[in-house]
Structure formats: C-alpha cells, structure tokens
N, C-alpha and C. Protein backbone atom coordinates (compact mmCIF):
# COMPACT_ATOMS: atom_id res chain seq x y z
N MET A 1 100.48 69.98 142.04
CA MET A 1 99.47 70.31 142.94
C MET A 1 100.04 71.00 144.18
N SER A 2 99.42 72.15 144.60
CA SER A 2 99.88 72.79 145.73
C SER A 2 98.79 72.85 146.73
N TYR A 3 99.00 72.46 147.93
CA TYR A 3 98.01 72.42 149.03
C TYR A 3 98.70 72.41 150.36
N GLU A 4 97.94 72.70 151.39
CA GLU A 4 98.46 72.72 152.72
C GLU A 4 98.46 71.23 153.26
N ILE A 5 99.62 70.96 153.90
CA ILE A 5 99.74 69.64 154.59
C ILE A 5 99.02 69.73 155.92
N ARG A 6 97.97 68.95 156.17
CA ARG A 6 97.21 68.98 157.38
C ARG A 6 97.47 67.60 158.12
N PRO A 7 98.35 67.63 159.01
CA PRO A 7 98.81 66.40 159.76
C PRO A 7 97.72 65.99 160.78
N SER A 8 97.47 64.66 160.70
CA SER A 8 96.65 64.14 161.90
C SER A 8 97.60 63.54 162.90
N SER A 9 98.77 63.11 162.56
CA SER A 9 99.73 62.71 163.62
C SER A 9 101.17 62.91 162.98
N VAL A 10 102.03 63.25 163.89
CA VAL A 10 103.36 63.50 163.52
C VAL A 10 104.27 62.78 164.57
N GLU A 11 105.19 61.94 164.08
CA GLU A 11 106.07 61.20 164.91
C GLU A 11 107.50 61.59 164.61
N LEU A 12 108.28 62.15 165.55
CA LEU A 12 109.69 62.48 165.27
C LEU A 12 110.62 61.71 166.19
N LYS A 13 111.63 60.99 165.65
CA LYS A 13 112.63 60.33 166.46
C LYS A 13 113.89 60.92 165.95
N VAL A 14 114.75 61.16 167.01
CA VAL A 14 116.11 61.73 166.68
C VAL A 14 117.04 60.85 167.44
N ASN A 15 118.02 60.32 166.81
CA ASN A 15 118.96 59.36 167.38
C ASN A 15 118.30 58.25 168.16
N GLY A 16 117.20 57.81 167.68
CA GLY A 16 116.39 56.61 168.26
C GLY A 16 115.45 57.04 169.33
N SER A 17 115.44 58.37 169.77
CA SER A 17 114.68 58.72 170.88
C SER A 17 113.44 59.60 170.36
N HIS A 18 112.26 59.22 170.84
CA HIS A 18 111.05 59.87 170.49
C HIS A 18 111.11 61.31 171.04
N ILE A 19 110.76 62.35 170.31
CA ILE A 19 110.75 63.74 170.68
C ILE A 19 109.30 64.23 170.74
N GLU A 20 108.94 64.71 171.91
CA GLU A 20 107.67 65.25 172.20
C GLU A 20 107.57 66.62 171.46
N LEU A 21 106.51 66.90 170.69
CA LEU A 21 106.36 68.12 169.98
C LEU A 21 105.01 68.74 170.34
N THR A 22 104.99 70.08 170.44
CA THR A 22 103.73 70.77 170.63
C THR A 22 103.00 70.71 169.30
N GLU A 23 101.74 70.94 169.27
CA GLU A 23 100.92 70.91 168.15
C GLU A 23 101.44 71.82 167.03
N PHE A 24 101.80 73.05 167.51
CA PHE A 24 102.33 74.05 166.50
C PHE A 24 103.63 73.49 165.84
N VAL A 25 104.56 73.05 166.70
CA VAL A 25 105.83 72.65 166.14
C VAL A 25 105.76 71.41 165.25
N ALA A 26 104.79 70.40 165.69
CA ALA A 26 104.53 69.32 164.86
C ALA A 26 104.05 69.65 163.51
N SER A 27 103.02 70.57 163.51
CA SER A 27 102.39 71.11 162.26
C SER A 27 103.41 71.79 161.36
N PHE A 28 104.27 72.63 161.99
CA PHE A 28 105.24 73.38 161.29
C PHE A 28 106.20 72.43 160.60
N ILE A 29 106.81 71.48 161.30
CA ILE A 29 107.76 70.54 160.75
C ILE A 29 107.11 69.68 159.59
N ALA A 30 105.87 69.21 159.81
CA ALA A 30 105.19 68.39 158.85
C ALA A 30 104.93 69.30 157.64
N GLY A 31 104.59 70.55 157.87
CA GLY A 31 104.30 71.40 156.69
C GLY A 31 105.52 71.66 155.83
N VAL A 32 106.68 71.96 156.44
CA VAL A 32 107.88 72.10 155.83
C VAL A 32 108.35 70.89 155.11
N ALA A 33 108.29 69.80 155.75
CA ALA A 33 108.79 68.48 155.10
C ALA A 33 107.80 68.14 153.90
N GLY A 34 106.54 68.33 154.08
CA GLY A 34 105.52 68.03 153.13
C GLY A 34 105.70 68.95 151.94
N GLY A 35 106.05 70.20 152.26
CA GLY A 35 106.18 71.15 151.23
C GLY A 35 107.37 70.90 150.26
N LEU A 36 108.47 70.42 150.93
CA LEU A 36 109.66 70.00 150.15
C LEU A 36 109.31 68.78 149.31
N ILE A 37 108.56 67.88 149.82
CA ILE A 37 108.22 66.66 149.02
C ILE A 37 107.31 67.06 147.89
N THR A 38 106.31 67.84 148.21
CA THR A 38 105.32 68.08 147.10
C THR A 38 105.92 69.02 146.01
N SER A 39 106.99 69.73 146.37
CA SER A 39 107.59 70.56 145.34
C SER A 39 108.41 69.68 144.33
N LEU A 40 108.62 68.44 144.61
CA LEU A 40 109.23 67.58 143.69
C LEU A 40 108.27 67.25 142.49
N LYS A 41 108.79 66.94 141.33
CA LYS A 41 107.93 66.70 140.21
C LYS A 41 107.04 65.53 140.44
N ASP A 42 105.65 65.76 140.13
CA ASP A 42 104.69 64.70 140.13
C ASP A 42 104.61 63.92 141.47
N ILE A 43 104.75 64.66 142.59
CA ILE A 43 104.55 64.07 143.93
C ILE A 43 103.44 64.66 144.64
N ASP A 44 102.37 63.84 144.95
CA ASP A 44 101.26 64.23 145.79
C ASP A 44 101.24 63.37 146.99
N ILE A 45 100.85 63.93 148.14
CA ILE A 45 100.75 63.18 149.24
C ILE A 45 99.21 62.98 149.66
N TYR A 46 98.76 61.75 149.65
CA TYR A 46 97.36 61.46 149.90
C TYR A 46 97.05 61.14 151.37
N SER A 47 97.95 60.31 152.00
CA SER A 47 97.60 59.93 153.37
C SER A 47 98.75 59.92 154.30
N ARG A 48 100.03 59.75 153.79
CA ARG A 48 101.21 59.68 154.73
C ARG A 48 102.41 59.86 154.00
N PHE A 49 103.50 60.32 154.78
CA PHE A 49 104.88 60.27 154.34
C PHE A 49 105.79 60.06 155.42
N ALA A 50 107.03 59.59 155.05
CA ALA A 50 108.08 59.32 156.04
C ALA A 50 109.37 59.82 155.44
N ILE A 51 110.23 60.29 156.31
CA ILE A 51 111.67 60.61 155.85
C ILE A 51 112.53 60.07 156.91
N HIS A 52 113.62 59.44 156.43
CA HIS A 52 114.61 58.78 157.27
C HIS A 52 115.95 59.35 156.81
N ILE A 53 116.77 59.98 157.81
CA ILE A 53 118.01 60.48 157.41
C ILE A 53 119.00 59.99 158.39
N ASP A 54 120.23 59.49 157.79
CA ASP A 54 121.27 59.10 158.64
C ASP A 54 122.52 59.60 157.87
N ALA A 55 123.74 59.29 158.43
CA ALA A 55 124.95 59.75 157.73
C ALA A 55 125.11 59.38 156.35
N GLN A 56 124.60 58.14 156.02
CA GLN A 56 124.89 57.58 154.70
C GLN A 56 123.75 57.82 153.68
N SER A 57 122.51 58.08 154.22
CA SER A 57 121.36 58.03 153.30
C SER A 57 120.25 58.97 153.67
N LEU A 58 119.38 59.21 152.68
CA LEU A 58 118.12 59.88 152.91
C LEU A 58 117.09 59.15 152.19
N ASP A 59 116.00 58.75 152.92
CA ASP A 59 114.91 57.93 152.25
C ASP A 59 113.69 58.71 152.44
N ILE A 60 112.96 58.88 151.36
CA ILE A 60 111.57 59.46 151.43
C ILE A 60 110.51 58.46 150.92
N ASN A 61 109.49 58.31 151.73
CA ASN A 61 108.47 57.33 151.35
C ASN A 61 107.16 58.11 151.34
N VAL A 62 106.42 58.10 150.30
CA VAL A 62 105.04 58.80 150.16
C VAL A 62 104.07 57.79 149.95
N ASP A 63 103.04 57.59 150.81
CA ASP A 63 101.93 56.68 150.61
C ASP A 63 102.45 55.25 150.22
N GLY A 64 103.44 54.82 150.88
CA GLY A 64 103.94 53.41 150.70
C GLY A 64 104.95 53.32 149.57
N SER A 65 105.28 54.33 148.85
CA SER A 65 106.21 54.20 147.70
C SER A 65 107.43 55.09 147.99
N PRO A 66 108.61 54.53 147.62
CA PRO A 66 109.80 55.24 147.78
C PRO A 66 109.84 56.43 146.72
N VAL A 67 110.49 57.49 147.10
CA VAL A 67 110.61 58.69 146.16
C VAL A 67 112.06 58.81 145.77
N LYS A 68 112.36 58.82 144.47
CA LYS A 68 113.79 59.04 144.00
C LYS A 68 114.20 60.47 144.26
N SER A 69 115.36 60.66 144.59
CA SER A 69 115.83 62.02 144.67
C SER A 69 117.33 62.17 144.18
N ASN A 70 117.68 63.38 143.80
CA ASN A 70 119.10 63.50 143.48
C ASN A 70 119.83 64.20 144.56
N ALA A 71 121.17 64.44 144.37
CA ALA A 71 121.97 65.07 145.41
C ALA A 71 121.47 66.33 145.90
N PHE A 72 120.95 67.15 145.04
CA PHE A 72 120.45 68.46 145.32
C PHE A 72 119.31 68.37 146.36
N VAL A 73 118.32 67.57 145.99
CA VAL A 73 117.13 67.35 146.80
C VAL A 73 117.58 66.71 148.14
N GLU A 74 118.38 65.79 148.11
CA GLU A 74 118.87 65.17 149.31
C GLU A 74 119.54 66.27 150.31
N ASN A 75 120.39 67.00 149.76
CA ASN A 75 121.02 68.02 150.55
C ASN A 75 120.07 69.07 151.13
N LEU A 76 119.01 69.45 150.28
CA LEU A 76 118.10 70.39 150.65
C LEU A 76 117.17 69.89 151.77
N VAL A 77 116.66 68.66 151.70
CA VAL A 77 115.88 67.98 152.70
C VAL A 77 116.63 67.80 153.93
N ARG A 78 117.83 67.22 153.87
CA ARG A 78 118.75 66.91 154.97
C ARG A 78 119.03 68.19 155.73
N ASN A 79 119.44 69.24 155.03
CA ASN A 79 119.91 70.49 155.75
C ASN A 79 118.67 71.21 156.40
N THR A 80 117.62 71.26 155.76
CA THR A 80 116.46 71.91 156.25
C THR A 80 115.86 71.22 157.46
N LEU A 81 115.68 69.89 157.40
CA LEU A 81 115.08 69.19 158.55
C LEU A 81 115.99 69.09 159.72
N THR A 82 117.32 68.66 159.44
CA THR A 82 118.28 68.66 160.58
C THR A 82 118.46 70.05 161.22
N GLY A 83 118.40 71.14 160.44
CA GLY A 83 118.51 72.45 160.90
C GLY A 83 117.37 72.83 161.81
N MET A 84 116.10 72.52 161.44
CA MET A 84 114.97 72.80 162.25
C MET A 84 114.99 71.92 163.59
N VAL A 85 115.29 70.73 163.41
CA VAL A 85 115.19 69.76 164.57
C VAL A 85 116.40 70.06 165.61
N ARG A 86 117.40 70.43 165.11
CA ARG A 86 118.57 70.75 165.96
C ARG A 86 118.35 71.87 166.95
N ARG A 87 117.34 72.72 166.67
CA ARG A 87 116.97 73.84 167.48
C ARG A 87 116.02 73.50 168.59
N LEU A 88 115.38 72.27 168.56
CA LEU A 88 114.53 71.81 169.60
C LEU A 88 115.23 71.59 170.94
N LYS A 89 114.59 71.98 172.05
CA LYS A 89 115.26 71.93 173.36
C LYS A 89 115.72 70.42 173.69
N ALA A 90 115.03 69.45 173.32
CA ALA A 90 115.23 68.08 173.60
C ALA A 90 116.37 67.39 172.76
N VAL A 91 116.80 68.18 171.85
CA VAL A 91 117.86 67.63 170.85
C VAL A 91 119.21 68.27 170.98
N GLU A 92 120.18 67.40 171.16
CA GLU A 92 121.66 67.90 171.32
C GLU A 92 122.34 67.84 169.96
N SER A 93 122.13 66.73 169.26
CA SER A 93 122.75 66.50 167.97
C SER A 93 121.86 65.66 167.11
N VAL A 94 121.98 65.73 165.78
CA VAL A 94 121.11 64.97 164.92
C VAL A 94 122.06 63.97 164.09
N ASP A 95 122.27 62.81 164.45
CA ASP A 95 122.89 61.81 163.72
C ASP A 95 121.96 60.90 162.79
N GLU A 96 120.78 60.74 163.39
CA GLU A 96 119.69 59.99 162.71
C GLU A 96 118.41 60.71 163.01
N LEU A 97 117.55 60.82 161.91
CA LEU A 97 116.33 61.50 162.10
C LEU A 97 115.22 60.59 161.31
N GLU A 98 114.12 60.40 162.01
CA GLU A 98 112.97 59.73 161.45
C GLU A 98 111.73 60.50 161.64
N LEU A 99 111.02 60.92 160.59
CA LEU A 99 109.82 61.76 160.70
C LEU A 99 108.73 60.95 159.94
N LYS A 100 107.63 60.65 160.64
CA LYS A 100 106.42 59.98 160.06
C LYS A 100 105.26 60.97 160.24
N VAL A 101 104.54 61.14 159.25
CA VAL A 101 103.46 62.03 159.18
C VAL A 101 102.10 61.37 158.53
N GLU A 102 101.06 61.23 159.30
CA GLU A 102 99.87 60.89 158.81
C GLU A 102 98.94 62.18 158.43
N THR A 103 98.39 62.29 157.28
CA THR A 103 97.69 63.48 156.94
C THR A 103 96.22 63.32 156.91
N LEU A 104 95.53 64.50 156.95
CA LEU A 104 94.06 64.48 156.80
C LEU A 104 93.68 64.86 155.38
N ASN A 105 94.67 65.00 154.45
CA ASN A 105 94.45 65.41 153.14
C ASN A 105 93.63 64.39 152.35
C-alpha cells in the first residue's frame, strides 16, 4: 500500500533532548520515516509509529507492534534519519534518536 503519511503530531528527541520542529520539517521527517517503513514488505501504518536509534540498536514500532528488520534496512533507516536530523540547527551530534509520530491516516 502506498499513501502519504499525514502526521497529527511528531515528537523528536536527540540525545535525550526534545527538538522543536517547524510544521514543514516535522511533516518532512515523518514522511521520509513513514515512507521507509511502509516500503518494507506488508507494513501499513494506521495510527502511529516510533523509531529508536542508538549505537547498538534500531527499533521500529508500528501501531504497537515491533517491526523486524535486517542489516540493510537498519543501515538505510539509521543513515537516512541521522543524516537529516544532524542538519538541524539545534543538533550537534546524534548518539541517540527517538522519533514518535501519530498519524491522521
């Protein structure tokens, strides 16, 4: 299933600190992250998703259920999200990232 991720709320924490996002940036990050998730086999997002990244692990949770991923997917998600977030003014480095998105879908 291919559809636009329409976030109702986006929460981003980097290294334990909440990062303020404009509506555009929040929507962009949520759309990219949601697009990565929905491109995985048999994954649909109905109400929410969360991604947690640290040095040792990457956890993806969709609508309350964990999503299994392989090394390729983990590297793709990790590099894409940390690359985007690292460019934000309030972020100096990304050792830990937590993204929570509630959707209107």
